[in-house]
Amino acid sequence: MSQTIYLLRHGETEYNTQGRYQGELDSPLTEVGIHQVQQNALMLKSLIGDPNEWKIVSSPLGRALQSTEVICKTIGYDFKNVEKENRLTEVAVGQWAGLTTKEIESSWPNLFNNTDMYSWYFNAPNGETYDSVVSRLSTWLKDIQHVPKVIVISHGLTGRILRGVYADLKKEDALKLEVSQDVFFKLSTKKITRICSDFDDFYLHSAEDSHLNRW
């Protein structure tokens, strides 16, 4: 059976504009964030045909559900039929939740010891490990493998790792994947296609060739 997954990230939040790491905390979408979601949803609508043929699954965190509600309204899908999935929540950053990088570096001066700019998140006290996130996302992908059409609304870091698991990427490559809120991704036949909008033009780029582009 062939399967297609569309993976979207929530729109910009108030915490995003402040440079604060959210993890399992929450903050509402900004006006820009709502517009981002609407634009992505319009592109999605042009790709999926009948929305009721799709299973829509969302992280249960508020910013994801707010984005999902906008998507449902745009594509004509009953929000009450959305499935909430805890395994799609953002990576937990423990004591760093709600803090900026500057605040984190002030309290944890040895932050970047034995790490790099992509994997330092996993040094968070009481935070999740990379392997733990891979495990929960792998089991979720296995659970939905027989669902032919799936739309997923998740988060930046979780979305990176989910694409990495799907495409069997190494950790260092998965963590460099793009996390822009102006794009979303099609996952099909173990390939990842980047879908983005620039003004009213529509571009498709293969993630096989550009999975290390801007993020």
N, C-alpha and C. Protein backbone atom coordinates (compact mmCIF):
# COMPACT_ATOMS: atom_id res chain seq x y z
N MET A 1 0.83 -1.20 0.00
CA MET A 1 0.00 0.00 0.00
C MET A 1 0.87 1.26 0.00
N SER A 2 0.55 2.18 -0.88
CA SER A 2 1.28 3.45 -0.89
C SER A 2 0.70 4.38 0.17
N GLN A 3 1.55 5.19 0.74
CA GLN A 3 1.12 6.12 1.78
C GLN A 3 1.69 7.51 1.50
N THR A 4 0.89 8.53 1.74
CA THR A 4 1.34 9.91 1.65
C THR A 4 1.09 10.60 2.97
N ILE A 5 2.12 11.25 3.50
CA ILE A 5 2.00 12.03 4.73
C ILE A 5 2.37 13.47 4.41
N TYR A 6 1.51 14.40 4.78
CA TYR A 6 1.86 15.82 4.73
C TYR A 6 2.17 16.27 6.15
N LEU A 7 3.36 16.83 6.34
CA LEU A 7 3.83 17.23 7.66
C LEU A 7 3.94 18.75 7.73
N LEU A 8 3.18 19.35 8.64
CA LEU A 8 3.18 20.79 8.82
C LEU A 8 3.64 21.16 10.23
N ARG A 9 4.25 22.31 10.34
CA ARG A 9 4.61 22.86 11.64
C ARG A 9 3.59 23.94 12.01
N HIS A 10 3.37 24.13 13.30
CA HIS A 10 2.51 25.23 13.75
C HIS A 10 3.08 26.57 13.27
N GLY A 11 2.26 27.61 13.25
CA GLY A 11 2.72 28.94 12.86
C GLY A 11 3.52 29.62 13.97
N GLU A 12 4.07 30.77 13.63
CA GLU A 12 4.86 31.55 14.59
C GLU A 12 4.05 31.85 15.85
N THR A 13 4.73 31.73 17.00
CA THR A 13 4.09 32.02 18.29
C THR A 13 4.74 33.23 18.95
N GLU A 14 4.12 33.69 20.01
CA GLU A 14 4.70 34.81 20.77
C GLU A 14 6.08 34.43 21.30
N TYR A 15 6.22 33.22 21.80
CA TYR A 15 7.53 32.77 22.29
C TYR A 15 8.57 32.74 21.17
N ASN A 16 8.15 32.33 19.95
CA ASN A 16 9.07 32.33 18.82
C ASN A 16 9.65 33.72 18.59
N THR A 17 8.81 34.74 18.67
CA THR A 17 9.28 36.11 18.41
C THR A 17 10.23 36.59 19.50
N GLN A 18 10.13 36.00 20.68
CA GLN A 18 11.00 36.37 21.80
C GLN A 18 12.25 35.49 21.89
N GLY A 19 12.34 34.52 20.99
CA GLY A 19 13.49 33.62 21.01
C GLY A 19 13.49 32.67 22.18
N ARG A 20 12.30 32.35 22.69
CA ARG A 20 12.19 31.47 23.85
C ARG A 20 11.90 30.03 23.42
N TYR A 21 12.55 29.09 24.08
CA TYR A 21 12.32 27.69 23.78
C TYR A 21 11.06 27.23 24.49
N GLN A 22 10.15 26.65 23.71
CA GLN A 22 8.84 26.33 24.26
C GLN A 22 8.77 24.92 24.83
N GLY A 23 9.34 23.95 24.12
CA GLY A 23 9.21 22.58 24.59
C GLY A 23 7.74 22.25 24.78
N GLU A 24 7.40 21.82 25.98
CA GLU A 24 6.01 21.45 26.26
C GLU A 24 5.20 22.62 26.84
N LEU A 25 5.83 23.79 26.97
CA LEU A 25 5.07 24.99 27.32
C LEU A 25 4.30 25.45 26.09
N ASP A 26 3.58 26.54 26.23
CA ASP A 26 2.80 27.01 25.09
C ASP A 26 2.71 28.51 25.07
N SER A 27 2.48 29.05 23.89
CA SER A 27 2.14 30.45 23.72
C SER A 27 1.31 30.56 22.44
N PRO A 28 0.44 31.55 22.34
CA PRO A 28 -0.48 31.63 21.20
C PRO A 28 0.23 32.04 19.91
N LEU A 29 -0.42 31.74 18.80
CA LEU A 29 0.09 32.18 17.51
C LEU A 29 0.01 33.70 17.40
N THR A 30 0.99 34.28 16.70
CA THR A 30 0.93 35.69 16.35
C THR A 30 0.06 35.85 15.11
N GLU A 31 -0.21 37.09 14.73
CA GLU A 31 -0.94 37.34 13.49
C GLU A 31 -0.16 36.79 12.30
N VAL A 32 1.16 36.98 12.35
CA VAL A 32 2.01 36.41 11.30
C VAL A 32 1.87 34.90 11.27
N GLY A 33 1.85 34.28 12.44
CA GLY A 33 1.72 32.83 12.53
C GLY A 33 0.42 32.32 11.94
N ILE A 34 -0.66 33.02 12.22
CA ILE A 34 -1.97 32.63 11.66
C ILE A 34 -1.93 32.72 10.13
N HIS A 35 -1.31 33.79 9.62
CA HIS A 35 -1.19 33.96 8.16
C HIS A 35 -0.35 32.84 7.55
N GLN A 36 0.74 32.47 8.22
CA GLN A 36 1.58 31.38 7.73
C GLN A 36 0.78 30.09 7.60
N VAL A 37 0.01 29.79 8.62
CA VAL A 37 -0.80 28.57 8.60
C VAL A 37 -1.84 28.63 7.49
N GLN A 38 -2.47 29.78 7.33
CA GLN A 38 -3.48 29.92 6.28
C GLN A 38 -2.88 29.71 4.89
N GLN A 39 -1.69 30.26 4.66
CA GLN A 39 -1.02 30.10 3.37
C GLN A 39 -0.66 28.65 3.12
N ASN A 40 -0.12 28.00 4.13
CA ASN A 40 0.21 26.58 3.99
C ASN A 40 -1.04 25.75 3.74
N ALA A 41 -2.12 26.10 4.44
CA ALA A 41 -3.36 25.35 4.28
C ALA A 41 -3.95 25.51 2.89
N LEU A 42 -3.82 26.68 2.31
CA LEU A 42 -4.31 26.89 0.95
C LEU A 42 -3.53 26.03 -0.05
N MET A 43 -2.22 25.95 0.14
CA MET A 43 -1.42 25.08 -0.72
C MET A 43 -1.80 23.62 -0.52
N LEU A 44 -1.97 23.25 0.75
CA LEU A 44 -2.36 21.88 1.07
C LEU A 44 -3.69 21.53 0.41
N LYS A 45 -4.63 22.46 0.47
CA LYS A 45 -5.95 22.23 -0.11
C LYS A 45 -5.86 21.91 -1.60
N SER A 46 -4.92 22.57 -2.30
CA SER A 46 -4.77 22.35 -3.73
C SER A 46 -4.16 20.98 -4.05
N LEU A 47 -3.62 20.31 -3.05
CA LEU A 47 -2.92 19.05 -3.27
C LEU A 47 -3.71 17.80 -2.86
N ILE A 48 -4.66 17.95 -1.95
CA ILE A 48 -5.20 16.75 -1.30
C ILE A 48 -6.53 16.24 -1.87
N GLY A 49 -7.21 17.04 -2.71
CA GLY A 49 -8.51 16.60 -3.18
C GLY A 49 -9.54 16.67 -2.06
N ASP A 50 -10.33 15.62 -1.89
CA ASP A 50 -11.37 15.59 -0.86
C ASP A 50 -10.71 15.48 0.51
N PRO A 51 -10.85 16.51 1.37
CA PRO A 51 -10.19 16.47 2.68
C PRO A 51 -10.68 15.34 3.57
N ASN A 52 -11.91 14.89 3.34
CA ASN A 52 -12.47 13.85 4.19
C ASN A 52 -11.89 12.46 3.91
N GLU A 53 -11.07 12.36 2.88
CA GLU A 53 -10.37 11.10 2.62
C GLU A 53 -9.08 11.00 3.43
N TRP A 54 -8.77 12.07 4.18
CA TRP A 54 -7.51 12.13 4.91
C TRP A 54 -7.73 11.99 6.41
N LYS A 55 -6.75 11.40 7.06
CA LYS A 55 -6.71 11.36 8.52
C LYS A 55 -5.84 12.53 8.98
N ILE A 56 -6.37 13.40 9.82
CA ILE A 56 -5.61 14.53 10.34
C ILE A 56 -5.24 14.26 11.79
N VAL A 57 -3.94 14.36 12.08
CA VAL A 57 -3.42 14.06 13.41
C VAL A 57 -2.60 15.26 13.88
N SER A 58 -2.83 15.68 15.11
CA SER A 58 -2.14 16.87 15.64
C SER A 58 -1.50 16.59 16.99
N SER A 59 -0.39 17.24 17.22
CA SER A 59 0.14 17.34 18.58
C SER A 59 -0.95 17.96 19.46
N PRO A 60 -1.04 17.55 20.72
CA PRO A 60 -2.08 18.10 21.60
C PRO A 60 -1.73 19.46 22.18
N LEU A 61 -0.53 19.97 21.92
CA LEU A 61 -0.15 21.27 22.47
C LEU A 61 -0.95 22.39 21.80
N GLY A 62 -1.21 23.45 22.57
CA GLY A 62 -2.11 24.50 22.13
C GLY A 62 -1.75 25.14 20.82
N ARG A 63 -0.46 25.43 20.59
CA ARG A 63 -0.06 26.10 19.35
C ARG A 63 -0.28 25.22 18.13
N ALA A 64 -0.13 23.90 18.32
CA ALA A 64 -0.41 22.98 17.22
C ALA A 64 -1.91 22.87 16.96
N LEU A 65 -2.69 22.77 18.03
CA LEU A 65 -4.14 22.67 17.86
C LEU A 65 -4.73 23.95 17.28
N GLN A 66 -4.20 25.12 17.68
CA GLN A 66 -4.67 26.38 17.10
C GLN A 66 -4.38 26.39 15.61
N SER A 67 -3.21 25.93 15.22
CA SER A 67 -2.85 25.84 13.80
C SER A 67 -3.74 24.84 13.08
N THR A 68 -3.99 23.71 13.73
CA THR A 68 -4.83 22.67 13.12
C THR A 68 -6.24 23.19 12.88
N GLU A 69 -6.76 23.97 13.80
CA GLU A 69 -8.10 24.53 13.63
C GLU A 69 -8.17 25.45 12.42
N VAL A 70 -7.13 26.24 12.22
CA VAL A 70 -7.06 27.12 11.04
C VAL A 70 -7.00 26.28 9.76
N ILE A 71 -6.18 25.23 9.78
CA ILE A 71 -6.07 24.35 8.62
C ILE A 71 -7.40 23.70 8.29
N CYS A 72 -8.07 23.18 9.31
CA CYS A 72 -9.37 22.52 9.09
C CYS A 72 -10.38 23.48 8.48
N LYS A 73 -10.43 24.68 8.99
CA LYS A 73 -11.36 25.68 8.46
C LYS A 73 -11.06 25.99 7.01
N THR A 74 -9.77 26.05 6.67
CA THR A 74 -9.37 26.41 5.31
C THR A 74 -9.64 25.31 4.31
N ILE A 75 -9.39 24.06 4.70
CA ILE A 75 -9.54 22.96 3.74
C ILE A 75 -10.92 22.32 3.78
N GLY A 76 -11.75 22.70 4.77
CA GLY A 76 -13.09 22.15 4.86
C GLY A 76 -13.16 20.81 5.55
N TYR A 77 -12.51 20.71 6.70
CA TYR A 77 -12.47 19.46 7.47
C TYR A 77 -13.01 19.74 8.86
N ASP A 78 -13.79 18.82 9.40
CA ASP A 78 -14.39 18.99 10.73
C ASP A 78 -13.32 18.83 11.81
N PHE A 79 -13.04 19.91 12.52
CA PHE A 79 -12.00 19.90 13.55
C PHE A 79 -12.26 18.84 14.61
N LYS A 80 -13.52 18.50 14.84
CA LYS A 80 -13.86 17.50 15.86
C LYS A 80 -13.34 16.12 15.48
N ASN A 81 -13.01 15.90 14.21
CA ASN A 81 -12.51 14.60 13.76
C ASN A 81 -10.99 14.49 13.81
N VAL A 82 -10.33 15.55 14.26
CA VAL A 82 -8.87 15.53 14.37
C VAL A 82 -8.45 14.61 15.51
N GLU A 83 -7.46 13.79 15.28
CA GLU A 83 -6.91 12.91 16.31
C GLU A 83 -5.74 13.60 17.00
N LYS A 84 -5.76 13.65 18.31
CA LYS A 84 -4.65 14.23 19.08
C LYS A 84 -3.69 13.11 19.45
N GLU A 85 -2.41 13.35 19.19
CA GLU A 85 -1.40 12.30 19.39
C GLU A 85 -0.23 12.84 20.22
N ASN A 86 -0.11 12.30 21.44
CA ASN A 86 0.94 12.77 22.35
C ASN A 86 2.35 12.55 21.82
N ARG A 87 2.53 11.55 20.96
CA ARG A 87 3.87 11.26 20.44
C ARG A 87 4.35 12.32 19.46
N LEU A 88 3.47 13.25 19.07
CA LEU A 88 3.85 14.32 18.15
C LEU A 88 4.18 15.63 18.86
N THR A 89 4.18 15.62 20.19
CA THR A 89 4.50 16.84 20.94
C THR A 89 5.94 17.27 20.69
N GLU A 90 6.22 18.53 21.00
CA GLU A 90 7.58 19.02 20.82
C GLU A 90 8.52 18.36 21.81
N VAL A 91 9.79 18.30 21.43
CA VAL A 91 10.82 17.75 22.29
C VAL A 91 10.84 18.52 23.61
N ALA A 92 10.78 17.81 24.71
CA ALA A 92 10.79 18.44 26.03
C ALA A 92 12.20 18.95 26.35
N VAL A 93 12.30 20.21 26.76
CA VAL A 93 13.61 20.79 27.08
C VAL A 93 13.77 21.06 28.57
N GLY A 94 12.99 20.38 29.37
CA GLY A 94 13.17 20.41 30.82
C GLY A 94 13.25 21.81 31.41
N GLN A 95 14.33 22.08 32.14
CA GLN A 95 14.48 23.37 32.83
C GLN A 95 14.72 24.54 31.89
N TRP A 96 14.94 24.26 30.62
CA TRP A 96 15.17 25.34 29.66
C TRP A 96 13.87 25.88 29.06
N ALA A 97 12.75 25.25 29.32
CA ALA A 97 11.48 25.70 28.75
C ALA A 97 11.18 27.13 29.18
N GLY A 98 10.87 27.95 28.21
CA GLY A 98 10.53 29.35 28.47
C GLY A 98 11.73 30.28 28.49
N LEU A 99 12.93 29.75 28.35
CA LEU A 99 14.14 30.58 28.41
C LEU A 99 14.67 30.89 27.01
N THR A 100 15.44 31.97 26.90
CA THR A 100 16.15 32.29 25.67
C THR A 100 17.52 31.62 25.69
N THR A 101 18.18 31.60 24.55
CA THR A 101 19.54 31.03 24.50
C THR A 101 20.47 31.78 25.44
N LYS A 102 20.35 33.11 25.47
CA LYS A 102 21.20 33.92 26.34
C LYS A 102 20.99 33.55 27.80
N GLU A 103 19.74 33.37 28.20
CA GLU A 103 19.43 33.00 29.58
C GLU A 103 19.96 31.61 29.91
N ILE A 104 19.86 30.71 28.94
CA ILE A 104 20.37 29.36 29.15
C ILE A 104 21.89 29.38 29.30
N GLU A 105 22.57 30.11 28.41
CA GLU A 105 24.03 30.17 28.47
C GLU A 105 24.51 30.81 29.76
N SER A 106 23.73 31.74 30.30
CA SER A 106 24.10 32.41 31.54
C SER A 106 24.10 31.44 32.72
N SER A 107 23.11 30.56 32.74
CA SER A 107 22.99 29.62 33.86
C SER A 107 23.75 28.31 33.63
N TRP A 108 24.00 27.98 32.37
CA TRP A 108 24.73 26.75 32.04
C TRP A 108 25.91 27.13 31.12
N PRO A 109 26.96 27.71 31.68
CA PRO A 109 28.06 28.25 30.87
C PRO A 109 28.82 27.20 30.06
N ASN A 110 28.71 25.95 30.42
CA ASN A 110 29.41 24.90 29.68
C ASN A 110 28.49 24.19 28.69
N LEU A 111 27.48 24.91 28.25
CA LEU A 111 26.41 24.36 27.42
C LEU A 111 26.92 23.61 26.19
N PHE A 112 27.88 24.21 25.48
CA PHE A 112 28.30 23.64 24.21
C PHE A 112 29.48 22.68 24.31
N ASN A 113 29.87 22.36 25.53
CA ASN A 113 30.93 21.36 25.69
C ASN A 113 30.46 20.00 25.16
N ASN A 114 31.27 19.39 24.32
CA ASN A 114 30.98 18.06 23.78
C ASN A 114 29.67 17.99 23.01
N THR A 115 29.30 19.10 22.37
CA THR A 115 28.10 19.11 21.54
C THR A 115 28.30 20.12 20.42
N ASP A 116 27.22 20.42 19.68
CA ASP A 116 27.31 21.42 18.61
C ASP A 116 26.01 22.19 18.57
N MET A 117 25.89 23.11 17.60
CA MET A 117 24.74 24.01 17.56
C MET A 117 23.44 23.30 17.22
N TYR A 118 23.53 22.05 16.77
CA TYR A 118 22.32 21.32 16.41
C TYR A 118 21.83 20.37 17.49
N SER A 119 22.73 19.81 18.28
CA SER A 119 22.32 18.79 19.24
C SER A 119 22.34 19.26 20.69
N TRP A 120 22.64 20.53 20.93
CA TRP A 120 22.76 21.01 22.31
C TRP A 120 21.44 20.95 23.06
N TYR A 121 20.31 20.96 22.33
CA TYR A 121 19.00 20.88 22.99
C TYR A 121 18.93 19.70 23.97
N PHE A 122 19.63 18.64 23.61
CA PHE A 122 19.51 17.40 24.37
C PHE A 122 20.38 17.38 25.62
N ASN A 123 21.01 18.53 25.92
CA ASN A 123 21.73 18.69 27.19
C ASN A 123 20.83 19.27 28.28
N ALA A 124 19.59 19.55 27.96
CA ALA A 124 18.69 20.21 28.91
C ALA A 124 18.45 19.34 30.14
N PRO A 125 18.64 19.91 31.33
CA PRO A 125 18.32 19.16 32.56
C PRO A 125 16.86 18.74 32.57
N ASN A 126 16.63 17.47 32.78
CA ASN A 126 15.27 16.90 32.80
C ASN A 126 14.59 16.93 31.44
N GLY A 127 15.37 17.14 30.39
CA GLY A 127 14.80 17.14 29.04
C GLY A 127 14.83 15.76 28.41
N GLU A 128 14.28 15.66 27.20
CA GLU A 128 14.25 14.39 26.48
C GLU A 128 15.57 14.12 25.79
N THR A 129 15.88 12.86 25.60
CA THR A 129 17.03 12.48 24.80
C THR A 129 16.61 12.31 23.34
N TYR A 130 17.58 12.41 22.46
CA TYR A 130 17.30 12.20 21.04
C TYR A 130 16.72 10.80 20.81
N ASP A 131 17.31 9.81 21.43
CA ASP A 131 16.85 8.43 21.22
C ASP A 131 15.42 8.23 21.69
N SER A 132 15.05 8.93 22.76
CA SER A 132 13.68 8.83 23.26
C SER A 132 12.68 9.39 22.24
N VAL A 133 13.04 10.51 21.64
CA VAL A 133 12.16 11.11 20.63
C VAL A 133 12.07 10.21 19.40
N VAL A 134 13.21 9.69 18.97
CA VAL A 134 13.22 8.76 17.84
C VAL A 134 12.31 7.57 18.12
N SER A 135 12.34 7.06 19.33
CA SER A 135 11.54 5.90 19.69
C SER A 135 10.05 6.19 19.59
N ARG A 136 9.63 7.32 20.15
CA ARG A 136 8.19 7.60 20.13
C ARG A 136 7.69 7.89 18.71
N LEU A 137 8.52 8.55 17.91
CA LEU A 137 8.10 8.85 16.53
C LEU A 137 8.14 7.60 15.66
N SER A 138 9.11 6.74 15.90
CA SER A 138 9.18 5.48 15.14
C SER A 138 7.96 4.61 15.40
N THR A 139 7.54 4.52 16.66
CA THR A 139 6.37 3.70 16.98
C THR A 139 5.11 4.30 16.38
N TRP A 140 5.04 5.63 16.36
CA TRP A 140 3.87 6.27 15.74
C TRP A 140 3.82 5.99 14.25
N LEU A 141 4.95 6.15 13.55
CA LEU A 141 4.99 5.87 12.12
C LEU A 141 4.59 4.42 11.84
N LYS A 142 5.04 3.52 12.68
CA LYS A 142 4.67 2.11 12.51
C LYS A 142 3.17 1.91 12.70
N ASP A 143 2.60 2.59 13.67
CA ASP A 143 1.17 2.45 13.96
C ASP A 143 0.29 2.95 12.81
N ILE A 144 0.77 3.94 12.05
CA ILE A 144 -0.07 4.50 10.97
C ILE A 144 0.34 3.99 9.59
N GLN A 145 1.21 3.00 9.53
CA GLN A 145 1.76 2.58 8.24
C GLN A 145 0.71 2.08 7.25
N HIS A 146 -0.45 1.67 7.75
CA HIS A 146 -1.50 1.18 6.87
C HIS A 146 -2.57 2.23 6.58
N VAL A 147 -2.33 3.47 7.01
CA VAL A 147 -3.26 4.57 6.71
C VAL A 147 -2.72 5.28 5.46
N PRO A 148 -3.47 5.28 4.35
CA PRO A 148 -2.92 5.77 3.08
C PRO A 148 -2.71 7.28 3.00
N LYS A 149 -3.55 8.05 3.71
CA LYS A 149 -3.48 9.51 3.57
C LYS A 149 -3.52 10.16 4.96
N VAL A 150 -2.41 10.81 5.31
CA VAL A 150 -2.29 11.37 6.66
C VAL A 150 -1.76 12.80 6.58
N ILE A 151 -2.40 13.70 7.33
CA ILE A 151 -1.93 15.08 7.49
C ILE A 151 -1.54 15.26 8.95
N VAL A 152 -0.31 15.73 9.18
CA VAL A 152 0.25 15.82 10.53
C VAL A 152 0.60 17.26 10.86
N ILE A 153 0.20 17.72 12.04
CA ILE A 153 0.58 19.05 12.51
C ILE A 153 1.41 18.86 13.77
N SER A 154 2.67 19.29 13.70
CA SER A 154 3.58 19.05 14.82
C SER A 154 4.44 20.29 15.06
N HIS A 155 5.72 20.09 15.35
CA HIS A 155 6.60 21.16 15.83
C HIS A 155 7.93 21.17 15.09
N GLY A 156 8.76 22.18 15.39
CA GLY A 156 10.01 22.34 14.68
C GLY A 156 10.99 21.21 14.87
N LEU A 157 11.44 21.00 16.10
CA LEU A 157 12.44 19.97 16.35
C LEU A 157 11.86 18.57 16.16
N THR A 158 10.64 18.37 16.62
CA THR A 158 9.99 17.07 16.42
C THR A 158 9.82 16.77 14.94
N GLY A 159 9.46 17.79 14.16
CA GLY A 159 9.31 17.60 12.72
C GLY A 159 10.61 17.24 12.04
N ARG A 160 11.70 17.84 12.49
CA ARG A 160 13.02 17.47 11.97
C ARG A 160 13.28 15.98 12.20
N ILE A 161 13.10 15.56 13.44
CA ILE A 161 13.42 14.18 13.80
C ILE A 161 12.48 13.21 13.09
N LEU A 162 11.22 13.58 12.96
CA LEU A 162 10.26 12.72 12.26
C LEU A 162 10.68 12.50 10.81
N ARG A 163 11.11 13.56 10.14
CA ARG A 163 11.60 13.42 8.77
C ARG A 163 12.87 12.57 8.73
N GLY A 164 13.71 12.75 9.73
CA GLY A 164 14.93 11.96 9.79
C GLY A 164 14.64 10.48 9.95
N VAL A 165 13.70 10.16 10.83
CA VAL A 165 13.30 8.77 11.03
C VAL A 165 12.72 8.21 9.73
N TYR A 166 11.84 8.98 9.11
CA TYR A 166 11.16 8.52 7.89
C TYR A 166 12.16 8.21 6.78
N ALA A 167 13.14 9.11 6.61
CA ALA A 167 14.11 8.96 5.51
C ALA A 167 15.37 8.23 5.92
N ASP A 168 15.39 7.72 7.16
CA ASP A 168 16.53 6.95 7.67
C ASP A 168 17.82 7.76 7.61
N LEU A 169 17.74 9.02 8.08
CA LEU A 169 18.90 9.90 8.11
C LEU A 169 19.70 9.71 9.39
N LYS A 170 20.98 10.01 9.33
CA LYS A 170 21.79 10.03 10.52
C LYS A 170 21.37 11.20 11.41
N LYS A 171 21.63 11.08 12.70
CA LYS A 171 21.25 12.11 13.66
C LYS A 171 21.75 13.49 13.24
N GLU A 172 23.02 13.58 12.86
CA GLU A 172 23.59 14.89 12.53
C GLU A 172 22.93 15.52 11.31
N ASP A 173 22.44 14.69 10.39
CA ASP A 173 21.74 15.22 9.22
C ASP A 173 20.29 15.58 9.54
N ALA A 174 19.64 14.76 10.34
CA ALA A 174 18.25 15.04 10.72
C ALA A 174 18.14 16.36 11.46
N LEU A 175 19.09 16.64 12.36
CA LEU A 175 19.01 17.83 13.17
C LEU A 175 19.34 19.11 12.41
N LYS A 176 19.81 18.98 11.19
CA LYS A 176 20.09 20.15 10.35
C LYS A 176 18.95 20.47 9.39
N LEU A 177 17.91 19.68 9.41
CA LEU A 177 16.81 19.89 8.49
C LEU A 177 16.08 21.21 8.77
N GLU A 178 15.47 21.73 7.75
CA GLU A 178 14.78 23.02 7.82
C GLU A 178 13.58 23.00 8.76
N VAL A 179 13.36 24.12 9.45
CA VAL A 179 12.21 24.21 10.35
C VAL A 179 11.39 25.48 10.10
N SER A 180 11.49 26.06 8.93
CA SER A 180 10.74 27.26 8.61
C SER A 180 9.24 27.03 8.77
N GLN A 181 8.54 28.08 9.17
CA GLN A 181 7.08 27.97 9.31
C GLN A 181 6.34 28.36 8.04
N ASP A 182 7.09 28.64 6.96
CA ASP A 182 6.50 28.98 5.68
C ASP A 182 6.49 27.81 4.71
N VAL A 183 6.90 26.64 5.18
CA VAL A 183 6.97 25.46 4.31
C VAL A 183 6.32 24.27 5.00
N PHE A 184 5.99 23.26 4.21
CA PHE A 184 5.63 21.97 4.79
C PHE A 184 6.18 20.88 3.88
N PHE A 185 5.96 19.62 4.24
CA PHE A 185 6.67 18.53 3.59
C PHE A 185 5.74 17.39 3.23
N LYS A 186 6.01 16.80 2.08
CA LYS A 186 5.32 15.59 1.66
C LYS A 186 6.26 14.41 1.86
N LEU A 187 5.80 13.41 2.58
CA LEU A 187 6.57 12.19 2.83
C LEU A 187 5.89 11.05 2.09
N SER A 188 6.59 10.48 1.13
CA SER A 188 6.02 9.40 0.33
C SER A 188 7.14 8.56 -0.28
N THR A 189 6.98 7.26 -0.26
CA THR A 189 7.96 6.30 -0.80
C THR A 189 9.37 6.59 -0.30
N LYS A 190 9.47 6.92 0.97
CA LYS A 190 10.75 7.19 1.64
C LYS A 190 11.47 8.43 1.11
N LYS A 191 10.75 9.25 0.38
CA LYS A 191 11.30 10.51 -0.12
C LYS A 191 10.58 11.67 0.53
N ILE A 192 11.28 12.79 0.68
CA ILE A 192 10.70 13.97 1.30
C ILE A 192 10.72 15.12 0.30
N THR A 193 9.56 15.71 0.05
CA THR A 193 9.45 16.83 -0.86
C THR A 193 9.08 18.08 -0.07
N ARG A 194 9.83 19.13 -0.29
CA ARG A 194 9.63 20.42 0.38
C ARG A 194 8.63 21.24 -0.43
N ILE A 195 7.61 21.74 0.23
CA ILE A 195 6.57 22.52 -0.43
C ILE A 195 6.54 23.91 0.19
N CYS A 196 6.71 24.94 -0.65
CA CYS A 196 6.77 26.29 -0.09
C CYS A 196 6.08 27.27 -1.02
N SER A 197 5.80 28.44 -0.50
CA SER A 197 5.16 29.51 -1.25
C SER A 197 5.99 30.77 -1.13
N ASP A 198 6.18 31.46 -2.24
CA ASP A 198 6.85 32.76 -2.24
C ASP A 198 5.93 33.71 -3.00
N PHE A 199 5.31 34.62 -2.27
CA PHE A 199 4.22 35.43 -2.80
C PHE A 199 3.13 34.46 -3.25
N ASP A 200 2.67 34.52 -4.49
CA ASP A 200 1.60 33.62 -4.89
C ASP A 200 2.10 32.51 -5.80
N ASP A 201 3.41 32.35 -5.89
CA ASP A 201 3.97 31.28 -6.70
C ASP A 201 4.14 30.03 -5.85
N PHE A 202 4.18 28.90 -6.51
CA PHE A 202 4.18 27.61 -5.84
C PHE A 202 5.42 26.84 -6.32
N TYR A 203 6.27 26.46 -5.37
CA TYR A 203 7.49 25.76 -5.73
C TYR A 203 7.56 24.43 -5.00
N LEU A 204 8.09 23.44 -5.68
CA LEU A 204 8.34 22.14 -5.06
C LEU A 204 9.83 21.83 -5.20
N HIS A 205 10.47 21.48 -4.10
CA HIS A 205 11.88 21.14 -4.14
C HIS A 205 12.09 19.80 -3.45
N SER A 206 12.85 18.95 -4.04
CA SER A 206 13.11 17.64 -3.45
C SER A 206 14.05 17.77 -2.27
N ALA A 207 13.66 17.24 -1.14
CA ALA A 207 14.51 17.28 0.05
C ALA A 207 15.72 16.37 -0.12
N GLU A 208 15.68 15.46 -1.08
CA GLU A 208 16.84 14.62 -1.32
C GLU A 208 18.04 15.47 -1.75
N ASP A 209 17.75 16.55 -2.49
CA ASP A 209 18.82 17.40 -2.99
C ASP A 209 19.11 18.57 -2.10
N SER A 210 18.14 18.93 -1.23
CA SER A 210 18.32 20.18 -0.47
C SER A 210 18.00 20.04 1.00
N HIS A 211 18.17 18.83 1.57
CA HIS A 211 17.76 18.65 2.97
C HIS A 211 18.66 19.37 3.96
N LEU A 212 19.76 19.95 3.48
CA LEU A 212 20.63 20.72 4.38
C LEU A 212 20.54 22.20 4.06
N ASN A 213 19.44 22.63 3.43
CA ASN A 213 19.32 24.05 3.09
C ASN A 213 18.92 24.87 4.31
N ARG A 214 18.53 26.11 4.11
CA ARG A 214 18.28 27.02 5.23
C ARG A 214 17.23 26.45 6.19
N TRP A 215 17.33 26.81 7.46
CA TRP A 215 16.38 26.31 8.45
C TRP A 215 16.20 27.35 9.51
